[in-house]
Amino acid sequence: MATTDVDEAHAKIAELFCSHELAPRTRASLMDMKLRSLHRGDVGIEFLDYGADVRIEPEGLQDFHLVQIPLAGHASMQVGARSVESNPRMATVPPIDRPFSMSWDGGSPHLIVYVRRSAVERVAGQLYGNDAVDLGYGMDLSGSAGRAFLRAVVELHDDMISRPQFAAPAFVQGLLADSMVSRLLMAMEPPAGEARNAEAEGRLVRECRELLERHAFEELTVPDIAECLGVSVRTLQTALRAETGATPSELLRSIRLDRAREMLLEANPREQSVTAVAEQCGFTHQGRFSALYVKAFGELPSESLRR
C-alpha cells in the first residue's frame, strides 16, 4: 500500500495493529506512507515508512508484541518517564500492558516484526520453563544475539515470500517462526537484577557441551539438560546466549551434525547410507537433515559419504 493521505494511512495501520493517534509532527511534514505487510499464523513482518516526521500514540497492543527496527534515521519511544532512542543498531520493543508514544523522523523506514503474545509465552515456556515474559523496551542489534535474531527474521521472511510450490512444509514453517521468536527472547535485555557471572557461565557452557556430546544420540529436552546440569532453564539459556549465541537445542543440533559428518567421512558408501547415519544421529527427517548439513558444511551428505 502507498498513500499520501493521513486518514487513509491511519485507518490502514489501525486495521493492521491497533487503534492509535497518528499525526505529522509539523505542518511541513507531508505524509508519503509506504507499507508492505506479510503475516503467517502467529508472526508477521512489516516494512513501514511514513515518509514524514510523525507522532504515534497507540491505545495499547495487549495481545501482540512488536520489534521496531529503523532501517535508517532515528526514532524514539516514550514509556512513562523512560525514553528509548532507536536507530539501525537499536530496536524498540513497545510494552503491551502500559501506554506509550512514539516519534519517527522522516527518512526512518522501519522493519517491524509482529508476534502474537500467545506465541511468545509458548516459546518462553519452552526456553525458560516459565511463560511469564517481561521483554523490556529495547533490543541491541549490534551484538551476537541481536544479529542472530535478524538472521532468523530474514530466514523467515525469505520463506514467507516464496512461491507456494517452493515454500517449506507446514511443520518447517512452524520451526522457522519458533526459531525467530526464541531469538527474539534471547536478544532482549536481561531482566533487571539478573547479574551475570562470566566465569560461572563459561564453566556451565563447557559442562553443557560435554553432556550433549556424551548423550548426543538420546532424546533430550531443554528441561532435561538443565536438570542434569543442576540449573534452571533460564540460567542455561542465558549462559549459552552470552558465550555461543545459541539455544540449547541449536547447540545439540550442531553437535549431532558434527558427529554425522565424522561418521559419513569414515563410512564405506557400499556398507552405509546417509539415511542410516542421519537416524543414528537423531535426525528423523531426511530432507531437513540434508538442508541443515548443506548449510553447515557446504556440501550434501552423500558427497561426504563418497569421499
C-alpha atoms as a PDB file:
ATOM      1  CA  MET A   1       0.000   0.000   0.000  1.00  0.00           C
ATOM      2  CA  ALA A   2       1.119   3.567  -0.663  1.00  0.00           C
ATOM      3  CA  THR A   3      -0.735   6.758   0.209  1.00  0.00           C
ATOM      4  CA  THR A   4      -0.225  10.462   0.838  1.00  0.00           C
ATOM      5  CA  ASP A   5      -3.488  10.758   2.785  1.00  0.00           C
ATOM      6  CA  VAL A   6      -3.056  10.873   6.579  1.00  0.00           C
ATOM      7  CA  ASP A   7      -6.529   9.491   7.273  1.00  0.00           C
ATOM      8  CA  GLU A   8      -6.034   6.570   4.901  1.00  0.00           C
ATOM      9  CA  ALA A   9      -2.635   5.792   6.445  1.00  0.00           C
ATOM     10  CA  HIS A  10      -4.150   5.969   9.925  1.00  0.00           C
ATOM     11  CA  ALA A  11      -7.015   3.629   9.010  1.00  0.00           C
ATOM     12  CA  LYS A  12      -4.721   1.011   7.474  1.00  0.00           C
ATOM     13  CA  ILE A  13      -2.297   0.932  10.412  1.00  0.00           C
ATOM     14  CA  ALA A  14      -5.195   0.787  12.867  1.00  0.00           C
ATOM     15  CA  GLU A  15      -6.575  -2.204  10.960  1.00  0.00           C
ATOM     16  CA  LEU A  16      -3.187  -3.925  10.920  1.00  0.00           C
ATOM     17  CA  PHE A  17      -2.134  -3.218  14.506  1.00  0.00           C
ATOM     18  CA  CYS A  18      -4.414  -1.344  16.896  1.00  0.00           C
ATOM     19  CA  SER A  19      -6.289   1.920  17.477  1.00  0.00           C
ATOM     20  CA  HIS A  20      -3.950   4.887  17.755  1.00  0.00           C
ATOM     21  CA  GLU A  21      -3.468   8.564  17.111  1.00  0.00           C
ATOM     22  CA  LEU A  22      -1.312   9.472  14.122  1.00  0.00           C
ATOM     23  CA  ALA A  23      -0.256  12.972  13.167  1.00  0.00           C
ATOM     24  CA  PRO A  24       2.619  14.732  11.375  1.00  0.00           C
ATOM     25  CA  ARG A  25       4.820  16.492  13.926  1.00  0.00           C
ATOM     26  CA  THR A  26       4.980  19.704  11.894  1.00  0.00           C
ATOM     27  CA  ARG A  27       2.832  21.377   9.279  1.00  0.00           C
ATOM     28  CA  ALA A  28       5.690  20.993   6.820  1.00  0.00           C
ATOM     29  CA  SER A  29       5.624  17.200   7.168  1.00  0.00           C
ATOM     30  CA  LEU A  30       3.778  15.765   4.173  1.00  0.00           C
ATOM     31  CA  MET A  31       2.667  12.145   4.512  1.00  0.00           C
ATOM     32  CA  ASP A  32       4.053   9.711   1.939  1.00  0.00           C
ATOM     33  CA  MET A  33       3.400   6.323   3.524  1.00  0.00           C
ATOM     34  CA  LYS A  34       4.619   3.062   2.035  1.00  0.00           C
ATOM     35  CA  LEU A  35       3.620  -0.258   3.603  1.00  0.00           C
ATOM     36  CA  ARG A  36       4.334  -3.884   2.875  1.00  0.00           C
ATOM     37  CA  SER A  37       2.864  -6.493   5.215  1.00  0.00           C
ATOM     38  CA  LEU A  38       3.429 -10.254   5.433  1.00  0.00           C
ATOM     39  CA  HIS A  39       1.625 -12.388   8.022  1.00  0.00           C
ATOM     40  CA  ARG A  40       1.600 -16.113   8.607  1.00  0.00           C
ATOM     41  CA  GLY A  41      -0.006 -17.653  11.658  1.00  0.00           C
ATOM     42  CA  ASP A  42       1.334 -16.018  14.821  1.00  0.00           C
ATOM     43  CA  VAL A  43       4.029 -13.901  13.161  1.00  0.00           C
ATOM     44  CA  GLY A  44       4.292 -11.038  10.739  1.00  0.00           C
ATOM     45  CA  ILE A  45       6.957  -8.892   9.076  1.00  0.00           C
ATOM     46  CA  GLU A  46       6.172  -5.334   8.002  1.00  0.00           C
ATOM     47  CA  PHE A  47       8.018  -2.628   6.113  1.00  0.00           C
ATOM     48  CA  LEU A  48       6.590   0.758   7.069  1.00  0.00           C
ATOM     49  CA  ASP A  49       7.769   4.197   6.045  1.00  0.00           C
ATOM     50  CA  TYR A  50       5.594   7.216   6.819  1.00  0.00           C
ATOM     51  CA  GLY A  51       7.823   9.464   4.710  1.00  0.00           C
ATOM     52  CA  ALA A  52       7.378  12.272   7.228  1.00  0.00           C
ATOM     53  CA  ASP A  53       8.064  13.260  10.831  1.00  0.00           C
ATOM     54  CA  VAL A  54       5.163  11.692  12.726  1.00  0.00           C
ATOM     55  CA  ARG A  55       3.937  11.139  16.249  1.00  0.00           C
ATOM     56  CA  ILE A  56       2.102   7.894  17.089  1.00  0.00           C
ATOM     57  CA  GLU A  57       0.116   7.250  20.254  1.00  0.00           C
ATOM     58  CA  PRO A  58      -1.290   3.690  20.379  1.00  0.00           C
ATOM     59  CA  GLU A  59      -4.109   2.772  22.729  1.00  0.00           C
ATOM     60  CA  GLY A  60      -2.341  -0.469  23.615  1.00  0.00           C
ATOM     61  CA  LEU A  61      -1.063  -3.642  21.968  1.00  0.00           C
ATOM     62  CA  GLN A  62      -2.424  -6.132  24.529  1.00  0.00           C
ATOM     63  CA  ASP A  63      -2.295  -9.370  22.553  1.00  0.00           C
ATOM     64  CA  PHE A  64       0.838  -8.993  20.413  1.00  0.00           C
ATOM     65  CA  HIS A  65       4.472  -7.878  20.644  1.00  0.00           C
ATOM     66  CA  LEU A  66       6.382  -5.712  18.169  1.00  0.00           C
ATOM     67  CA  VAL A  67      10.074  -5.247  17.463  1.00  0.00           C
ATOM     68  CA  GLN A  68      10.555  -1.970  15.579  1.00  0.00           C
ATOM     69  CA  ILE A  69      13.844  -1.541  13.715  1.00  0.00           C
ATOM     70  CA  PRO A  70      14.723   1.700  11.904  1.00  0.00           C
ATOM     71  CA  LEU A  71      16.489   0.759   8.673  1.00  0.00           C
ATOM     72  CA  ALA A  72      17.876   4.301   8.587  1.00  0.00           C
ATOM     73  CA  GLY A  73      17.473   7.501  10.556  1.00  0.00           C
ATOM     74  CA  HIS A  74      16.147   7.792  14.086  1.00  0.00           C
ATOM     75  CA  ALA A  75      13.006   7.263  16.145  1.00  0.00           C
ATOM     76  CA  SER A  76      12.120   7.337  19.825  1.00  0.00           C
ATOM     77  CA  MET A  77       9.623   5.751  22.186  1.00  0.00           C
ATOM     78  CA  GLN A  78       8.371   7.174  25.472  1.00  0.00           C
ATOM     79  CA  VAL A  79       7.091   4.826  28.199  1.00  0.00           C
ATOM     80  CA  GLY A  80       6.249   6.798  31.313  1.00  0.00           C
ATOM     81  CA  ALA A  81       9.427   8.612  32.320  1.00  0.00           C
ATOM     82  CA  ARG A  82      11.652   6.353  30.220  1.00  0.00           C
ATOM     83  CA  SER A  83      12.731   7.270  26.712  1.00  0.00           C
ATOM     84  CA  VAL A  84      14.219   4.717  24.304  1.00  0.00           C
ATOM     85  CA  GLU A  85      16.098   6.024  21.272  1.00  0.00           C
ATOM     86  CA  SER A  86      16.223   3.737  18.245  1.00  0.00           C
ATOM     87  CA  ASN A  87      18.360   3.502  15.113  1.00  0.00           C
ATOM     88  CA  PRO A  88      19.603   0.666  12.884  1.00  0.00           C
ATOM     89  CA  ARG A  89      21.627  -0.709  15.819  1.00  0.00           C
ATOM     90  CA  MET A  90      18.911  -0.412  18.478  1.00  0.00           C
ATOM     91  CA  ALA A  91      15.286  -1.515  18.109  1.00  0.00           C
ATOM     92  CA  THR A  92      12.341  -0.521  20.258  1.00  0.00           C
ATOM     93  CA  VAL A  93      10.026  -3.131  21.783  1.00  0.00           C
ATOM     94  CA  PRO A  94       6.788  -1.439  22.869  1.00  0.00           C
ATOM     95  CA  PRO A  95       5.067  -2.622  26.056  1.00  0.00           C
ATOM     96  CA  ILE A  96       1.792  -4.482  25.734  1.00  0.00           C
ATOM     97  CA  ASP A  97       0.407  -3.593  29.157  1.00  0.00           C
ATOM     98  CA  ARG A  98       1.026   0.142  29.548  1.00  0.00           C
ATOM     99  CA  PRO A  99       0.624   3.323  27.459  1.00  0.00           C
ATOM    100  CA  PHE A 100       3.446   4.613  25.279  1.00  0.00           C
ATOM    101  CA  SER A 101       4.047   7.077  22.465  1.00  0.00           C
ATOM    102  CA  MET A 102       6.479   7.190  19.553  1.00  0.00           C
ATOM    103  CA  SER A 103       8.125   9.785  17.353  1.00  0.00           C
ATOM    104  CA  TRP A 104       9.516   8.765  13.986  1.00  0.00           C
ATOM    105  CA  ASP A 105      11.706  11.074  11.969  1.00  0.00           C
ATOM    106  CA  GLY A 106      11.184  11.392   8.245  1.00  0.00           C
ATOM    107  CA  GLY A 107      13.673   9.173   6.462  1.00  0.00           C
ATOM    108  CA  SER A 108      13.398   6.400   9.056  1.00  0.00           C
ATOM    109  CA  PRO A 109      11.715   3.445   7.326  1.00  0.00           C
ATOM    110  CA  HIS A 110      11.080   0.633   9.793  1.00  0.00           C
ATOM    111  CA  LEU A 111      11.220  -3.121   9.673  1.00  0.00           C
ATOM    112  CA  ILE A 112       8.593  -4.304  12.152  1.00  0.00           C
ATOM    113  CA  VAL A 113       8.384  -7.852  13.495  1.00  0.00           C
ATOM    114  CA  TYR A 114       4.985  -8.873  14.836  1.00  0.00           C
ATOM    115  CA  VAL A 115       4.470 -11.828  17.203  1.00  0.00           C
ATOM    116  CA  ARG A 116       1.276 -12.770  18.998  1.00  0.00           C
ATOM    117  CA  ARG A 117       1.535 -12.736  22.748  1.00  0.00           C
ATOM    118  CA  SER A 118       0.446 -16.369  22.999  1.00  0.00           C
ATOM    119  CA  ALA A 119       3.324 -17.460  20.739  1.00  0.00           C
ATOM    120  CA  VAL A 120       5.884 -15.548  22.794  1.00  0.00           C
ATOM    121  CA  GLU A 121       4.559 -17.093  26.001  1.00  0.00           C
ATOM    122  CA  ARG A 122       4.581 -20.582  24.485  1.00  0.00           C
ATOM    123  CA  VAL A 123       8.182 -20.325  23.280  1.00  0.00           C
ATOM    124  CA  ALA A 124       9.250 -18.686  26.555  1.00  0.00           C
ATOM    125  CA  GLY A 125       7.781 -21.673  28.383  1.00  0.00           C
ATOM    126  CA  GLN A 126       9.887 -23.996  26.247  1.00  0.00           C
ATOM    127  CA  LEU A 127      13.051 -21.949  26.753  1.00  0.00           C
ATOM    128  CA  TYR A 128      12.730 -20.984  30.388  1.00  0.00           C
ATOM    129  CA  GLY A 129      10.136 -23.328  31.841  1.00  0.00           C
ATOM    130  CA  ASN A 130       8.046 -20.256  32.611  1.00  0.00           C
ATOM    131  CA  ASP A 131       5.750 -18.354  30.262  1.00  0.00           C
ATOM    132  CA  ALA A 132       5.971 -15.089  32.228  1.00  0.00           C
ATOM    133  CA  VAL A 133       7.505 -12.593  29.787  1.00  0.00           C
ATOM    134  CA  ASP A 134       8.930  -9.146  30.557  1.00  0.00           C
ATOM    135  CA  LEU A 135      10.802  -8.128  27.434  1.00  0.00           C
ATOM    136  CA  GLY A 136      11.942  -4.652  28.342  1.00  0.00           C
ATOM    137  CA  TYR A 137      11.826  -1.847  25.803  1.00  0.00           C
ATOM    138  CA  GLY A 138      14.997  -2.075  23.708  1.00  0.00           C
ATOM    139  CA  MET A 139      16.911  -4.662  21.690  1.00  0.00           C
ATOM    140  CA  ASP A 140      20.604  -4.221  20.906  1.00  0.00           C
ATOM    141  CA  LEU A 141      21.061  -5.379  17.313  1.00  0.00           C
ATOM    142  CA  SER A 142      24.839  -4.928  17.251  1.00  0.00           C
ATOM    143  CA  GLY A 143      25.715  -7.926  19.451  1.00  0.00           C
ATOM    144  CA  SER A 144      25.729 -11.607  18.546  1.00  0.00           C
ATOM    145  CA  ALA A 145      22.229 -12.246  19.947  1.00  0.00           C
ATOM    146  CA  GLY A 146      20.758  -9.279  18.061  1.00  0.00           C
ATOM    147  CA  ARG A 147      22.406 -10.339  14.806  1.00  0.00           C
ATOM    148  CA  ALA A 148      21.135 -13.885  15.300  1.00  0.00           C
ATOM    149  CA  PHE A 149      17.614 -12.504  15.682  1.00  0.00           C
ATOM    150  CA  LEU A 150      17.957 -10.549  12.434  1.00  0.00           C
ATOM    151  CA  ARG A 151      19.188 -13.658  10.606  1.00  0.00           C
ATOM    152  CA  ALA A 152      16.152 -15.583  11.878  1.00  0.00           C
ATOM    153  CA  VAL A 153      13.867 -12.786  10.642  1.00  0.00           C
ATOM    154  CA  VAL A 154      15.486 -12.854   7.198  1.00  0.00           C
ATOM    155  CA  GLU A 155      15.182 -16.655   7.004  1.00  0.00           C
ATOM    156  CA  LEU A 156      11.511 -16.484   7.946  1.00  0.00           C
ATOM    157  CA  HIS A 157      10.881 -13.620   5.507  1.00  0.00           C
ATOM    158  CA  ASP A 158      12.531 -15.479   2.631  1.00  0.00           C
ATOM    159  CA  ASP A 159      10.263 -18.457   3.185  1.00  0.00           C
ATOM    160  CA  MET A 160       7.160 -16.279   3.538  1.00  0.00           C
ATOM    161  CA  ILE A 161       7.747 -14.669   0.129  1.00  0.00           C
ATOM    162  CA  SER A 162       8.490 -17.988  -1.601  1.00  0.00           C
ATOM    163  CA  ARG A 163       6.063 -19.216  -4.227  1.00  0.00           C
ATOM    164  CA  PRO A 164       3.719 -21.842  -2.753  1.00  0.00           C
ATOM    165  CA  GLN A 165       5.435 -24.693  -4.578  1.00  0.00           C
ATOM    166  CA  PHE A 166       8.809 -23.673  -3.127  1.00  0.00           C
ATOM    167  CA  ALA A 167       7.695 -22.809   0.424  1.00  0.00           C
ATOM    168  CA  ALA A 168       8.792 -25.031   3.281  1.00  0.00           C
ATOM    169  CA  PRO A 169       6.395 -27.714   4.584  1.00  0.00           C
ATOM    170  CA  ALA A 170       3.972 -26.546   7.258  1.00  0.00           C
ATOM    171  CA  PHE A 171       5.909 -28.060  10.158  1.00  0.00           C
ATOM    172  CA  VAL A 172       9.130 -26.389   8.949  1.00  0.00           C
ATOM    173  CA  GLN A 173       7.280 -23.068   8.698  1.00  0.00           C
ATOM    174  CA  GLY A 174       6.398 -23.526  12.370  1.00  0.00           C
ATOM    175  CA  LEU A 175      10.028 -24.240  13.214  1.00  0.00           C
ATOM    176  CA  LEU A 176      11.162 -21.087  11.400  1.00  0.00           C
ATOM    177  CA  ALA A 177       8.637 -18.987  13.314  1.00  0.00           C
ATOM    178  CA  ASP A 178       9.533 -20.543  16.679  1.00  0.00           C
ATOM    179  CA  SER A 179      13.246 -20.090  15.973  1.00  0.00           C
ATOM    180  CA  MET A 180      12.677 -16.408  15.266  1.00  0.00           C
ATOM    181  CA  VAL A 181      10.650 -15.989  18.467  1.00  0.00           C
ATOM    182  CA  SER A 182      13.291 -17.788  20.526  1.00  0.00           C
ATOM    183  CA  ARG A 183      15.951 -15.496  19.030  1.00  0.00           C
ATOM    184  CA  LEU A 184      13.776 -12.524  19.938  1.00  0.00           C
ATOM    185  CA  LEU A 185      13.644 -13.653  23.562  1.00  0.00           C
ATOM    186  CA  MET A 186      17.373 -14.325  23.637  1.00  0.00           C
ATOM    187  CA  ALA A 187      18.233 -10.912  22.203  1.00  0.00           C
ATOM    188  CA  MET A 188      16.281  -8.890  24.748  1.00  0.00           C
ATOM    189  CA  GLU A 189      17.946  -7.080  27.592  1.00  0.00           C
ATOM    190  CA  PRO A 190      18.430  -9.319  30.656  1.00  0.00           C
ATOM    191  CA  PRO A 191      15.774  -8.758  33.320  1.00  0.00           C
ATOM    192  CA  ALA A 192      16.705  -6.159  35.932  1.00  0.00           C
ATOM    193  CA  GLY A 193      18.606  -7.608  38.849  1.00  0.00           C
ATOM    194  CA  GLU A 194      19.810 -10.681  36.959  1.00  0.00           C
ATOM    195  CA  ALA A 195      23.540 -10.389  37.496  1.00  0.00           C
ATOM    196  CA  ARG A 196      25.967 -12.262  35.274  1.00  0.00           C
ATOM    197  CA  ASN A 197      28.947 -14.291  36.405  1.00  0.00           C
ATOM    198  CA  ALA A 198      31.130 -14.773  33.332  1.00  0.00           C
ATOM    199  CA  GLU A 199      33.355 -17.420  34.923  1.00  0.00           C
ATOM    200  CA  ALA A 200      30.418 -19.493  36.150  1.00  0.00           C
ATOM    201  CA  GLU A 201      28.695 -19.142  32.766  1.00  0.00           C
ATOM    202  CA  GLY A 202      31.806 -20.326  30.953  1.00  0.00           C
ATOM    203  CA  ARG A 203      32.039 -23.374  33.197  1.00  0.00           C
ATOM    204  CA  LEU A 204      28.356 -24.131  32.683  1.00  0.00           C
ATOM    205  CA  VAL A 205      28.711 -23.921  28.894  1.00  0.00           C
ATOM    206  CA  ARG A 206      31.666 -26.337  28.962  1.00  0.00           C
ATOM    207  CA  GLU A 207      29.700 -28.780  31.117  1.00  0.00           C
ATOM    208  CA  CYS A 208      26.711 -28.443  28.788  1.00  0.00           C
ATOM    209  CA  ARG A 209      28.856 -29.240  25.731  1.00  0.00           C
ATOM    210  CA  GLU A 210      30.331 -32.285  27.445  1.00  0.00           C
ATOM    211  CA  LEU A 211      26.870 -33.503  28.435  1.00  0.00           C
ATOM    212  CA  LEU A 212      25.473 -33.077  24.932  1.00  0.00           C
ATOM    213  CA  GLU A 213      28.460 -34.807  23.337  1.00  0.00           C
ATOM    214  CA  ARG A 214      28.055 -37.804  25.680  1.00  0.00           C
ATOM    215  CA  HIS A 215      24.301 -38.067  25.058  1.00  0.00           C
ATOM    216  CA  ALA A 216      24.024 -36.610  21.563  1.00  0.00           C
ATOM    217  CA  PHE A 217      22.001 -39.509  20.187  1.00  0.00           C
ATOM    218  CA  GLU A 218      19.488 -39.637  23.026  1.00  0.00           C
ATOM    219  CA  GLU A 219      16.118 -37.893  23.192  1.00  0.00           C
ATOM    220  CA  LEU A 220      16.912 -34.744  25.183  1.00  0.00           C
ATOM    221  CA  THR A 221      14.669 -31.823  26.045  1.00  0.00           C
ATOM    222  CA  VAL A 222      15.903 -28.463  27.275  1.00  0.00           C
ATOM    223  CA  PRO A 223      14.459 -29.047  30.786  1.00  0.00           C
ATOM    224  CA  ASP A 224      16.257 -32.442  30.836  1.00  0.00           C
ATOM    225  CA  ILE A 225      19.565 -30.766  30.004  1.00  0.00           C
ATOM    226  CA  ALA A 226      19.103 -28.044  32.638  1.00  0.00           C
ATOM    227  CA  GLU A 227      18.121 -30.595  35.286  1.00  0.00           C
ATOM    228  CA  CYS A 228      21.201 -32.723  34.575  1.00  0.00           C
ATOM    229  CA  LEU A 229      23.386 -29.631  34.989  1.00  0.00           C
ATOM    230  CA  GLY A 230      21.613 -28.552  38.181  1.00  0.00           C
ATOM    231  CA  VAL A 231      20.482 -25.145  36.902  1.00  0.00           C
ATOM    232  CA  SER A 232      17.257 -23.560  35.721  1.00  0.00           C
ATOM    233  CA  VAL A 233      16.394 -23.462  32.039  1.00  0.00           C
ATOM    234  CA  ARG A 234      16.693 -19.681  32.159  1.00  0.00           C
ATOM    235  CA  THR A 235      20.208 -19.826  33.638  1.00  0.00           C
ATOM    236  CA  LEU A 236      21.330 -22.325  30.997  1.00  0.00           C
ATOM    237  CA  GLN A 237      19.812 -20.303  28.181  1.00  0.00           C
ATOM    238  CA  THR A 238      21.411 -17.066  29.389  1.00  0.00           C
ATOM    239  CA  ALA A 239      24.868 -18.655  29.658  1.00  0.00           C
ATOM    240  CA  LEU A 240      24.678 -20.188  26.188  1.00  0.00           C
ATOM    241  CA  ARG A 241      23.386 -16.965  24.688  1.00  0.00           C
ATOM    242  CA  ALA A 242      26.256 -14.962  26.183  1.00  0.00           C
ATOM    243  CA  GLU A 243      29.009 -17.357  25.071  1.00  0.00           C
ATOM    244  CA  THR A 244      27.738 -19.022  21.888  1.00  0.00           C
ATOM    245  CA  GLY A 245      24.655 -17.097  20.748  1.00  0.00           C
ATOM    246  CA  ALA A 246      22.819 -20.429  20.502  1.00  0.00           C
ATOM    247  CA  THR A 247      19.945 -22.090  22.299  1.00  0.00           C
ATOM    248  CA  PRO A 248      20.468 -25.488  23.980  1.00  0.00           C
ATOM    249  CA  SER A 249      18.534 -27.146  21.146  1.00  0.00           C
ATOM    250  CA  GLU A 250      20.669 -25.443  18.498  1.00  0.00           C
ATOM    251  CA  LEU A 251      23.869 -26.474  20.264  1.00  0.00           C
ATOM    252  CA  LEU A 252      22.660 -30.088  20.418  1.00  0.00           C
ATOM    253  CA  ARG A 253      21.803 -29.983  16.723  1.00  0.00           C
ATOM    254  CA  SER A 254      25.267 -28.607  15.892  1.00  0.00           C
ATOM    255  CA  ILE A 255      26.947 -31.407  17.853  1.00  0.00           C
ATOM    256  CA  ARG A 256      24.774 -34.004  16.103  1.00  0.00           C
ATOM    257  CA  LEU A 257      25.682 -32.555  12.707  1.00  0.00           C
ATOM    258  CA  ASP A 258      29.393 -32.683  13.566  1.00  0.00           C
ATOM    259  CA  ARG A 259      29.022 -36.317  14.640  1.00  0.00           C
ATOM    260  CA  ALA A 260      27.123 -37.148  11.459  1.00  0.00           C
ATOM    261  CA  ARG A 261      29.872 -35.614   9.339  1.00  0.00           C
ATOM    262  CA  GLU A 262      32.531 -37.639  11.132  1.00  0.00           C
ATOM    263  CA  MET A 263      30.551 -40.836  10.543  1.00  0.00           C
ATOM    264  CA  LEU A 264      29.914 -40.062   6.872  1.00  0.00           C
ATOM    265  CA  LEU A 265      33.567 -39.295   6.163  1.00  0.00           C
ATOM    266  CA  GLU A 266      34.675 -42.519   7.838  1.00  0.00           C
ATOM    267  CA  ALA A 267      31.944 -44.770   6.377  1.00  0.00           C
ATOM    268  CA  ASN A 268      32.168 -47.102   3.392  1.00  0.00           C
ATOM    269  CA  PRO A 269      29.456 -45.992   0.905  1.00  0.00           C
ATOM    270  CA  ARG A 270      28.865 -49.651  -0.064  1.00  0.00           C
ATOM    271  CA  GLU A 271      28.069 -50.556   3.540  1.00  0.00           C
ATOM    272  CA  GLN A 272      26.458 -47.419   4.949  1.00  0.00           C
ATOM    273  CA  SER A 273      23.766 -44.965   3.805  1.00  0.00           C
ATOM    274  CA  VAL A 274      23.078 -41.306   4.503  1.00  0.00           C
ATOM    275  CA  THR A 275      19.650 -42.185   5.885  1.00  0.00           C
ATOM    276  CA  ALA A 276      21.103 -44.657   8.388  1.00  0.00           C
ATOM    277  CA  VAL A 277      23.711 -42.160   9.604  1.00  0.00           C
ATOM    278  CA  ALA A 278      21.097 -39.402   9.926  1.00  0.00           C
ATOM    279  CA  GLU A 279      18.830 -41.633  12.012  1.00  0.00           C
ATOM    280  CA  GLN A 280      21.720 -42.726  14.245  1.00  0.00           C
ATOM    281  CA  CYS A 281      22.490 -39.057  14.895  1.00  0.00           C
ATOM    282  CA  GLY A 282      18.911 -38.195  15.852  1.00  0.00           C
ATOM    283  CA  PHE A 283      17.639 -36.773  12.541  1.00  0.00           C
ATOM    284  CA  THR A 284      14.362 -38.410  11.575  1.00  0.00           C
ATOM    285  CA  HIS A 285      13.516 -36.200   8.583  1.00  0.00           C
ATOM    286  CA  GLN A 286      15.943 -36.820   5.725  1.00  0.00           C
ATOM    287  CA  GLY A 287      15.144 -33.632   3.813  1.00  0.00           C
ATOM    288  CA  ARG A 288      15.600 -31.439   6.875  1.00  0.00           C
ATOM    289  CA  PHE A 289      18.864 -33.221   7.720  1.00  0.00           C
ATOM    290  CA  SER A 290      20.228 -32.637   4.224  1.00  0.00           C
ATOM    291  CA  ALA A 291      19.295 -28.943   4.315  1.00  0.00           C
ATOM    292  CA  LEU A 292      20.949 -28.437   7.710  1.00  0.00           C
ATOM    293  CA  TYR A 293      24.016 -30.391   6.574  1.00  0.00           C
ATOM    294  CA  VAL A 294      24.485 -28.322   3.439  1.00  0.00           C
ATOM    295  CA  LYS A 295      24.076 -25.110   5.427  1.00  0.00           C
ATOM    296  CA  ALA A 296      26.684 -26.230   7.980  1.00  0.00           C
ATOM    297  CA  PHE A 297      29.292 -27.829   5.703  1.00  0.00           C
ATOM    298  CA  GLY A 298      28.632 -26.571   2.181  1.00  0.00           C
ATOM    299  CA  GLU A 299      28.077 -29.992   0.627  1.00  0.00           C
ATOM    300  CA  LEU A 300      25.454 -32.730   0.525  1.00  0.00           C
ATOM    301  CA  PRO A 301      25.717 -35.627   2.990  1.00  0.00           C
ATOM    302  CA  SER A 302      26.033 -38.002   0.020  1.00  0.00           C
ATOM    303  CA  GLU A 303      29.095 -36.076  -1.165  1.00  0.00           C
ATOM    304  CA  SER A 304      30.761 -36.540   2.224  1.00  0.00           C
ATOM    305  CA  LEU A 305      29.913 -40.241   2.162  1.00  0.00           C
ATOM    306  CA  ARG A 306      31.544 -40.718  -1.246  1.00  0.00           C
ATOM    307  CA  ARG A 307      34.844 -39.161  -0.203  1.00  0.00           C
END
